[in-house]
Protein backbone atom coordinates (compact mmCIF):
# COMPACT_ATOMS: atom_id res chain seq x y z
CA MET A 1 15.41 11.72 4.88
CA SER A 2 12.49 9.88 6.48
CA GLU A 3 9.10 10.01 4.74
CA LYS A 4 7.27 9.08 7.95
CA VAL A 5 4.31 11.29 8.76
CA LYS A 6 5.10 13.32 11.90
CA ILE A 7 2.23 13.54 14.38
CA LEU A 8 2.01 15.92 17.32
CA LEU A 9 -0.18 14.26 19.96
CA ALA A 10 -1.42 16.22 23.00
CA GLU A 11 -3.19 14.11 25.64
CA ASP A 12 -3.07 14.73 29.40
CA ASP A 13 -4.20 11.19 30.29
CA THR A 14 -0.78 9.52 30.53
CA ASN A 15 -2.08 5.99 30.02
CA LEU A 16 -4.19 6.87 26.97
CA GLY A 17 -1.48 9.11 25.54
CA THR A 18 1.13 6.37 25.79
CA LEU A 19 -1.28 3.81 24.32
CA LEU A 20 -2.10 6.07 21.35
CA SER A 21 1.54 6.98 20.79
CA ASN A 22 2.70 3.36 20.80
CA TYR A 23 -0.14 2.29 18.50
CA LEU A 24 0.59 5.02 15.95
CA LYS A 25 4.31 4.32 16.08
CA ALA A 26 3.54 0.65 15.38
CA LYS A 27 1.67 1.87 12.29
CA SER A 28 4.84 3.64 11.07
CA PHE A 29 4.04 7.18 12.21
CA GLU A 30 6.55 9.37 14.02
CA VAL A 31 4.86 10.64 17.19
CA THR A 32 5.70 13.42 19.66
CA LEU A 33 3.57 13.07 22.81
CA CYS A 34 2.81 16.09 25.05
CA VAL A 35 0.92 16.06 28.34
CA ASP A 36 -0.59 19.55 28.13
CA GLY A 37 -1.52 22.17 25.58
CA GLU A 38 1.22 24.64 26.41
CA ILE A 39 3.96 22.05 25.83
CA ALA A 40 2.22 20.96 22.61
CA LEU A 41 2.21 24.51 21.25
CA LYS A 42 5.87 24.91 22.18
CA ARG A 43 6.79 21.69 20.34
CA PHE A 44 4.77 22.82 17.31
CA LYS A 45 6.79 26.03 17.12
CA GLU A 46 10.06 24.13 17.44
CA GLN A 47 9.51 21.34 14.93
CA ILE A 48 7.77 20.59 11.65
CA PHE A 49 4.74 18.30 11.88
CA ASP A 50 2.29 16.86 9.35
CA PHE A 51 -0.69 16.13 11.60
CA ILE A 52 -2.04 17.31 14.98
CA ILE A 53 -4.14 15.29 17.47
CA LEU A 54 -5.43 17.38 20.40
CA ASP A 55 -7.36 16.38 23.48
CA VAL A 56 -9.89 19.13 24.19
CA MET A 57 -9.76 19.12 28.00
CA MET A 58 -6.12 19.63 28.99
CA PRO A 59 -4.44 21.48 31.86
CA VAL A 60 -2.62 24.81 31.36
CA LYS A 61 -3.97 25.30 27.82
CA ASP A 62 -6.99 23.50 26.37
CA GLY A 63 -7.13 21.94 22.90
CA PHE A 64 -9.33 24.66 21.40
CA SER A 65 -6.87 27.36 22.47
CA VAL A 66 -3.93 25.40 21.09
CA ALA A 67 -5.73 24.94 17.77
CA ARG A 68 -6.47 28.66 17.51
CA ASP A 69 -2.79 29.47 18.05
CA ILE A 70 -1.69 26.82 15.55
CA ARG A 71 -4.07 28.20 12.93
CA GLN A 72 -2.41 31.60 13.32
CA ILE A 73 0.82 29.95 12.17
CA ASP A 74 -0.37 27.22 9.80
CA GLN A 75 -3.76 27.26 8.08
CA GLU A 76 -3.34 23.88 6.38
CA ILE A 77 -2.01 21.30 8.85
CA PRO A 78 -4.74 18.75 9.69
CA ILE A 79 -6.13 18.83 13.25
CA LEU A 80 -8.13 16.02 14.90
CA PHE A 81 -9.79 16.63 18.28
CA LEU A 82 -10.28 13.99 20.98
CA THR A 83 -12.83 14.61 23.73
CA ALA A 84 -14.85 12.88 26.40
CA LYS A 85 -17.70 15.25 25.63
CA SER A 86 -20.36 14.70 23.00
CA MET A 87 -22.08 18.05 23.26
CA LYS A 88 -23.06 19.59 19.93
CA ASP A 89 -21.65 23.00 20.95
CA ASP A 90 -18.22 21.46 21.62
CA LYS A 91 -18.15 19.91 18.18
CA LEU A 92 -19.17 23.18 16.58
CA THR A 93 -16.44 24.99 18.52
CA GLY A 94 -13.91 22.42 17.31
CA PHE A 95 -14.82 22.96 13.67
CA ASP A 96 -14.94 26.73 14.15
CA VAL A 97 -11.31 26.78 15.30
CA GLY A 98 -10.20 24.73 12.30
CA ALA A 99 -10.66 21.04 13.11
CA ASP A 100 -10.65 18.50 10.29
CA ASP A 101 -12.35 15.84 12.40
CA TYR A 102 -13.61 15.13 15.92
CA MET A 103 -13.65 11.86 17.92
CA THR A 104 -15.51 11.22 21.17
CA LYS A 105 -13.95 8.92 23.79
CA PRO A 106 -14.00 6.01 24.11
CA PHE A 107 -13.10 5.01 20.57
CA ALA A 108 -11.47 2.08 18.80
CA MET A 109 -7.82 2.48 17.77
CA GLU A 110 -8.71 1.14 14.33
CA GLU A 111 -11.25 3.95 13.88
CA LEU A 112 -8.69 6.56 14.89
CA LEU A 113 -6.22 5.14 12.37
CA ALA A 114 -8.85 5.11 9.63
CA ARG A 115 -9.74 8.75 10.28
CA VAL A 116 -6.10 9.85 10.39
CA ASN A 117 -5.39 8.10 7.09
CA ALA A 118 -8.52 9.54 5.48
CA ILE A 119 -7.59 13.09 6.49
CA LEU A 120 -4.01 12.57 5.32
CA LYS A 121 -5.24 11.27 1.99
CA ARG A 122 -7.32 14.41 1.47
CA SER A 123 -4.66 16.78 2.76
CA TYR A 124 -1.39 15.34 1.49
CA LYS A 125 -2.31 13.47 -1.67
CA GLU A 126 -2.53 9.76 -0.89
CA GLY A 127 -1.22 10.21 2.64
CA LYS A 128 2.18 11.58 1.68
CA LYS A 129 3.47 14.95 2.72
CA GLU A 130 3.60 17.45 -0.12
CA THR A 131 7.28 17.50 -1.01
CA ARG A 132 7.59 18.96 -4.50
CA PHE A 133 6.87 22.59 -5.23
CA GLN A 134 6.97 24.93 -8.20
CA ILE A 135 7.61 28.48 -7.02
CA GLY A 136 7.77 30.78 -10.01
CA ASP A 137 10.66 29.46 -12.11
CA ILE A 138 12.12 27.44 -9.21
CA SER A 139 11.54 23.70 -8.81
CA TYR A 140 12.01 22.62 -5.19
CA ASP A 141 12.12 19.05 -3.88
CA TYR A 142 11.94 18.83 -0.09
CA LEU A 143 12.86 15.14 0.17
CA GLU A 144 15.74 15.37 -2.31
CA GLN A 145 16.80 18.70 -0.76
CA THR A 146 17.27 20.35 -4.15
CA ILE A 147 16.53 23.71 -5.73
CA GLN A 148 16.56 23.85 -9.52
CA ILE A 149 16.48 27.00 -11.65
CA LYS A 150 16.59 26.40 -15.39
CA GLU A 151 19.43 23.88 -15.85
CA GLU A 152 21.23 24.58 -12.57
CA GLN A 153 20.50 22.43 -9.53
CA ASN A 154 21.77 23.05 -5.99
CA LYS A 155 21.82 20.50 -3.18
CA LEU A 156 20.76 21.96 0.15
CA THR A 157 22.11 21.11 3.59
CA THR A 158 19.56 19.92 6.16
CA LYS A 159 19.19 23.33 7.81
CA GLU A 160 19.06 25.14 4.46
CA ASN A 161 16.35 22.70 3.40
CA GLU A 162 14.23 23.10 6.54
CA LEU A 163 14.53 26.89 6.38
CA PHE A 164 13.62 27.04 2.68
CA TYR A 165 10.68 24.69 3.31
CA LEU A 166 9.30 27.14 5.87
CA LEU A 167 9.68 30.00 3.41
CA VAL A 168 7.88 27.99 0.73
CA LYS A 169 5.04 26.96 3.05
CA ASN A 170 4.60 30.62 4.00
CA ASN A 171 4.89 31.76 0.38
CA GLY A 172 3.87 35.41 0.16
CA GLU A 173 3.42 35.69 3.93
CA VAL A 174 5.90 36.79 6.58
CA LEU A 175 7.90 33.96 8.12
CA ASP A 176 8.39 35.08 11.71
CA ARG A 177 12.07 35.15 12.59
CA ASN A 178 11.67 33.61 16.05
CA ASP A 179 9.32 30.90 14.81
CA ALA A 180 11.83 29.94 12.11
CA LEU A 181 14.64 29.77 14.67
CA LYS A 182 12.62 27.53 16.96
CA HIS A 183 11.57 25.26 14.08
CA VAL A 184 15.04 24.78 12.61
CA TRP A 185 17.47 25.45 15.47
CA GLY A 186 15.26 24.68 18.47
CA ASP A 187 16.13 27.98 20.18
CA ASP A 188 15.83 31.64 19.21
CA ASN A 189 18.97 32.85 21.00
CA TYR A 190 21.37 35.46 19.57
CA PHE A 191 23.96 33.02 18.24
CA ASN A 192 21.38 30.91 16.41
CA GLY A 193 19.99 34.14 14.98
CA ARG A 194 23.37 35.02 13.51
CA SER A 195 23.65 31.50 12.11
CA MET A 196 20.23 31.80 10.46
CA ASP A 197 21.26 35.06 8.80
CA VAL A 198 24.18 33.19 7.22
CA TYR A 199 21.81 30.50 5.93
CA ILE A 200 19.42 33.11 4.52
CA THR A 201 22.38 34.63 2.64
CA LYS A 202 23.21 31.18 1.23
CA LEU A 203 19.62 30.63 0.12
CA ARG A 204 19.62 34.03 -1.59
CA LYS A 205 22.69 32.95 -3.56
CA TYR A 206 20.85 29.83 -4.70
CA VAL A 207 17.83 31.79 -5.94
CA LYS A 208 19.70 34.77 -7.41
CA GLN A 209 19.41 33.36 -10.93
CA SER A 210 15.65 33.29 -10.65
CA GLU A 211 13.83 35.99 -12.57
CA GLN A 212 10.68 35.61 -10.46
CA VAL A 213 11.60 34.68 -6.88
CA GLU A 214 13.17 36.79 -4.15
CA ILE A 215 13.79 36.31 -0.43
CA MET A 216 13.01 39.63 1.27
CA ASN A 217 13.78 40.91 4.76
CA VAL A 218 10.75 42.24 6.65
CA HIS A 219 12.26 44.67 9.14
CA GLY A 220 11.68 43.69 12.74
CA LYS A 221 9.61 40.64 11.80
CA GLY A 222 11.32 38.06 9.59
CA PHE A 223 11.43 37.06 5.94
CA ARG A 224 9.10 36.73 2.98
CA LEU A 225 9.42 34.59 -0.14
CA LEU A 226 8.17 36.87 -2.90
CA VAL A 227 7.10 35.53 -6.29
CA LYS A 228 6.91 38.29 -8.89
CA LYS A 229 3.94 38.19 -11.25
C-alpha cells in the first residue's frame, strides 16, 4: 500500500490548478484536482484524503462552505486556504471554519510546499499519516492491514481495511452508512450496501475476542466503534 500523502485540491482556475497539481505530484504527493467546491466535497466523501487545499472563491460552492461541510465529517484533516483576497475578515473566516493555514495569491510554489510540509509534520507526526492505533485491547496497523488481539493477528482485505480505518477514525462517533459506502465503494447503492453489511459481519468476527471493543449498529444511521471503559 502506498504511503504517499493524498491531497484534495480544489481550484477553479484551470491553469493554476494544473500547475499546483503537477508541482505537488513531482514532490511525491498524490493529488486529486477539482474545479469547483461541490465536486471537491463529493470527492472527499468518496475517498480518504490526508490534506485539503481549497481556493476560497469557487463557483457552485465556495471554499468556506466546503470547509464547514468537511469539518462536520472530519475534525482533524488539515485544511489550507488559497485566496486572491488579503482582507483580514476573510482570514478570520477561514480560521473560524477550521483552517490550519491561509495563503494569499500570488505565492511561490516553494512556500506552498513548505507550509504543506509544516502542517503535515504537526498533524501526522513527521509528515506521515497516522497508521498505527491502539483501540482498547486491539492493535491496528493500517499500512500492514492487520488487527491483533492478544496473540491472534488477522490480515484484512483492502475493503475490510478501509472500512475499519473509518470506524477507528470515528471512534466513539457514528460512522454514517452512506458516507462509508461512498468512501470505500464509491457509490451508496443497494447492492454495495448489502456488500458492506457482509464486511461489517467479517470485522465483527475479527474483534469478537476483544473484551473491550465492539462494532455496534446505530439504527437508521450507520455504525459505531465502541470501546468499553
